[in-house]
Structure formats: C-alpha cells, structure tokens
Amino acid sequence: MIDDALVFDCVAHVFNFSEENALGKAGLMFDQHLYAFHQALTPAGQTVLPPEQFLREWTVEEIDRMVFEESDTDMLIAMPLPLTDMFHDGLSPWRSAPSWPGGGLIGRSSGGRSTRSRGERRST
C-alpha cells in the first residue's frame, strides 16, 4: 500500500527470454525489442540489467519476490502470453500463472505499511 491506497499490478509476466525459446529471428528480435523497453523505461537512478541478466528464463519465485517484497504491490494478475508464432512457450508460458497460489490472481500483504506517500519514488 501507499498511504491508504491498494497497489494492484494488473499485468505480471513470467518471461522466458532464453535463446532456445525463440522461434527464429522474429523471436530473437522481439526479445531485443523488450530489452530496449527495459533500458528506455527504467527510471533514472534505478538499475538497468545487462542483457545476460535480463534475457533469460525468469521464475515465478523471482517475479513474486520483485512484486511483493521489493515494491508496494498488494495484488497482481499473472498473465501468460500466447505469442506462439515467435516462441515455443508463448514467451510467458501458460504453466507459470497457476504456479502462484490463486492460479494467477494473487494478493499479498507485507503486514506493514509503506512509509512512502503517493507519487514518491521507491529507492533501491
């Protein structure tokens, strides 16, 4: 929570950027496209991961930790992607959503309240 506002991440993907997952050049180019978004949209002062750390198969546990332990998010929707024309598993596999308790709609409470105010950036 931030102040008394519930923080709801409406889209969380468990991406599989592994090179083996790409179906040819189109999949590899799409991976690079999303990595470019990561580079361009990461706020100043925040960590931009190098390609070898970003372009890999992520796990449910990693996304869960980032969303619930490293941010003020209270709920999320785990959303698979059906990009099966570019990736063997669609890029964010269907098998990842049910791996969370609740099968994709997940709520957590840290048990505490954020000390941040609305609009204030989280520091790392």
Protein backbone atom coordinates (compact mmCIF):
# COMPACT_ATOMS: atom_id res chain seq x y z
CA MET A 1 0.00 0.00 0.00
CA ILE A 2 0.93 3.58 -0.48
CA ASP A 3 -0.80 5.72 2.11
CA ASP A 4 -4.21 4.01 2.23
CA ALA A 5 -4.27 3.10 -1.47
CA LEU A 6 -4.21 -0.51 -2.59
CA VAL A 7 -1.49 -1.11 -5.21
CA PHE A 8 -2.72 -3.51 -7.89
CA ASP A 9 -0.31 -4.63 -10.64
CA CYS A 10 -2.77 -5.60 -13.34
CA VAL A 11 -0.23 -7.41 -15.53
CA ALA A 12 2.75 -9.51 -14.43
CA HIS A 13 4.54 -11.78 -16.88
CA VAL A 14 6.98 -14.58 -16.13
CA PHE A 15 9.04 -14.11 -19.30
CA ASN A 16 11.12 -16.81 -20.93
CA PHE A 17 13.71 -14.84 -22.91
CA SER A 18 16.03 -17.84 -23.28
CA GLU A 19 17.50 -18.04 -26.76
CA GLU A 20 16.25 -21.63 -27.12
CA ASN A 21 12.68 -20.43 -26.64
CA ALA A 22 12.74 -18.12 -29.67
CA LEU A 23 11.32 -19.45 -32.94
CA GLY A 24 13.87 -17.94 -35.29
CA LYS A 25 14.87 -14.38 -35.97
CA ALA A 26 11.46 -12.85 -35.20
CA GLY A 27 11.52 -14.18 -31.62
CA LEU A 28 15.10 -13.03 -31.05
CA MET A 29 14.25 -9.57 -32.41
CA PHE A 30 11.19 -9.34 -30.15
CA ASP A 31 13.38 -10.22 -27.14
CA GLN A 32 15.69 -7.34 -28.08
CA HIS A 33 12.68 -5.06 -28.52
CA LEU A 34 11.51 -5.77 -24.96
CA TYR A 35 15.05 -5.37 -23.63
CA ALA A 36 15.15 -1.93 -25.29
CA PHE A 37 11.95 -1.04 -23.38
CA HIS A 38 13.67 -2.10 -20.15
CA GLN A 39 16.62 0.17 -20.95
CA ALA A 40 14.48 3.13 -22.02
CA LEU A 41 11.77 2.95 -19.35
CA THR A 42 13.83 2.21 -16.24
CA PRO A 43 13.78 5.42 -14.18
CA ALA A 44 17.00 7.37 -13.75
CA GLY A 45 18.97 6.10 -10.78
CA GLN A 46 17.45 2.60 -10.98
CA THR A 47 19.37 -0.47 -12.10
CA VAL A 48 19.29 -1.33 -15.80
CA LEU A 49 20.12 -5.01 -16.06
CA PRO A 50 22.72 -6.09 -18.60
CA PRO A 51 21.35 -8.31 -21.40
CA GLU A 52 22.73 -11.52 -19.89
CA GLN A 53 20.76 -10.91 -16.68
CA PHE A 54 17.56 -9.73 -18.38
CA LEU A 55 17.34 -12.01 -21.43
CA ARG A 56 16.86 -15.34 -19.69
CA GLU A 57 14.07 -17.51 -18.33
CA TRP A 58 12.58 -15.83 -15.26
CA THR A 59 10.92 -17.84 -12.47
CA VAL A 60 7.65 -17.39 -10.60
CA GLU A 61 9.68 -17.05 -7.40
CA GLU A 62 11.73 -14.16 -8.82
CA ILE A 63 8.68 -12.26 -10.03
CA ASP A 64 6.90 -12.93 -6.72
CA ARG A 65 9.90 -11.52 -4.81
CA MET A 66 10.19 -8.44 -7.04
CA VAL A 67 6.49 -7.67 -6.93
CA PHE A 68 5.71 -8.36 -3.28
CA GLU A 69 9.00 -7.93 -1.40
CA GLU A 70 10.68 -5.18 -3.43
CA SER A 71 7.68 -2.96 -4.15
CA ASP A 72 4.49 -1.76 -2.50
CA THR A 73 2.28 -4.04 -4.61
CA ASP A 74 -0.61 -5.70 -2.77
CA MET A 75 -2.19 -7.68 -5.64
CA LEU A 76 -1.25 -8.78 -9.13
CA ILE A 77 -2.60 -10.70 -12.07
CA ALA A 78 -0.15 -13.20 -13.55
CA MET A 79 -0.79 -13.13 -17.27
CA PRO A 80 0.60 -15.63 -19.78
CA LEU A 81 1.18 -14.59 -23.38
CA PRO A 82 0.08 -16.53 -26.47
CA LEU A 83 2.95 -15.42 -28.74
CA THR A 84 3.33 -18.95 -30.09
CA ASP A 85 4.29 -17.75 -33.56
CA MET A 86 7.56 -16.37 -32.11
CA PHE A 87 8.21 -18.51 -29.01
CA HIS A 88 7.91 -22.20 -28.19
CA ASP A 89 6.05 -21.43 -24.95
CA GLY A 90 4.41 -18.15 -25.98
CA LEU A 91 7.10 -16.05 -24.16
CA SER A 92 5.26 -16.04 -20.83
CA PRO A 93 4.13 -19.65 -20.52
CA TRP A 94 0.64 -20.69 -19.51
CA ARG A 95 2.17 -23.06 -16.96
CA SER A 96 3.56 -20.11 -14.95
CA ALA A 97 0.23 -18.46 -13.95
CA PRO A 98 -1.17 -21.38 -11.92
CA SER A 99 2.17 -21.75 -10.13
CA TRP A 100 1.15 -18.92 -7.82
CA PRO A 101 -1.43 -19.63 -5.13
CA GLY A 102 -4.76 -18.46 -6.52
CA GLY A 103 -3.87 -19.50 -10.06
CA GLY A 104 -2.98 -16.08 -11.39
CA LEU A 105 -4.86 -13.55 -9.24
CA ILE A 106 -2.61 -13.11 -6.25
CA GLY A 107 -2.87 -10.91 -3.21
CA ARG A 108 -0.24 -10.49 -0.54
CA SER A 109 0.14 -8.33 2.49
CA SER A 110 3.53 -7.38 3.85
CA GLY A 111 1.97 -6.93 7.27
CA GLY A 112 3.22 -3.38 7.38
CA ARG A 113 2.51 -0.07 5.82
CA SER A 114 4.67 1.78 3.39
CA THR A 115 6.27 4.93 4.64
CA ARG A 116 6.06 6.38 1.15
CA SER A 117 3.49 8.90 0.06
CA ARG A 118 1.60 8.78 -3.19
CA GLY A 119 3.89 9.85 -6.05
CA GLU A 120 7.10 9.32 -4.10
CA ARG A 121 9.58 7.01 -5.85
CA ARG A 122 10.88 3.84 -4.24
CA SER A 123 14.62 3.88 -3.67
CA THR A 124 16.77 0.78 -4.18
